[in-house]
Amino acid sequence: MGFSIKHKMLTLHKVLPPENRPVNEVSREKGISVQTIYKKHSINTVFLVLWK
């Protein structure tokens, strides 16, 4: 089961500036692994820049 694009973007917004929260904190909050967040970040960084 995959996450929606909206869910991925909201997760990334928590770990990127201006929130800049620790990845392990967001991982515990969302119930997903740290590796998944880093994977989302690497795949979606370009999309996130274009989306803003």
Protein backbone atom coordinates (compact mmCIF):
# COMPACT_ATOMS: atom_id res chain seq x y z
CA MET A 1 0.00 0.00 0.00
CA GLY A 2 1.44 3.36 -0.98
CA PHE A 3 0.92 6.77 0.51
CA SER A 4 -0.88 9.54 -1.34
CA ILE A 5 1.17 12.37 -2.78
CA LYS A 6 -0.48 14.75 -0.31
CA HIS A 7 0.58 12.55 2.63
CA LYS A 8 4.15 12.41 1.30
CA MET A 9 4.33 16.17 0.84
CA LEU A 10 2.94 16.90 4.31
CA THR A 11 5.51 14.54 5.83
CA LEU A 12 8.35 16.20 3.93
CA HIS A 13 7.19 19.67 4.95
CA LYS A 14 7.72 18.65 8.58
CA VAL A 15 11.40 17.76 8.09
CA LEU A 16 12.34 20.58 5.72
CA PRO A 17 12.67 24.30 6.55
CA PRO A 18 10.97 26.24 8.04
CA GLU A 19 9.78 23.48 10.44
CA ASN A 20 13.08 21.55 10.29
CA ARG A 21 11.91 18.87 12.72
CA PRO A 22 14.12 15.84 13.38
CA VAL A 23 13.39 12.94 11.05
CA ASN A 24 13.19 10.44 13.91
CA GLU A 25 10.55 12.62 15.65
CA VAL A 26 8.39 12.78 12.51
CA SER A 27 8.94 9.05 11.99
CA ARG A 28 7.50 8.24 15.42
CA GLU A 29 4.62 10.70 14.96
CA LYS A 30 3.61 9.30 11.56
CA GLY A 31 4.37 5.65 12.35
CA ILE A 32 6.71 5.24 9.38
CA SER A 33 10.39 4.36 9.27
CA VAL A 34 13.20 6.89 9.08
CA GLN A 35 14.37 5.18 5.89
CA THR A 36 10.98 5.76 4.29
CA ILE A 37 11.15 9.48 5.04
CA TYR A 38 14.66 9.74 3.59
CA LYS A 39 13.50 7.79 0.52
CA LYS A 40 10.53 10.15 0.08
CA HIS A 41 12.86 13.12 0.47
CA SER A 42 15.28 11.94 -2.22
CA ILE A 43 12.50 11.06 -4.68
CA ASN A 44 10.35 14.15 -4.08
CA THR A 45 12.87 16.96 -3.51
CA VAL A 46 12.65 18.22 -7.10
CA PHE A 47 8.86 17.95 -7.08
CA LEU A 48 8.70 19.86 -3.79
CA VAL A 49 10.83 22.70 -5.16
CA LEU A 50 8.65 22.95 -8.27
CA TRP A 51 5.45 22.72 -6.21
CA LYS A 52 6.26 25.83 -4.14
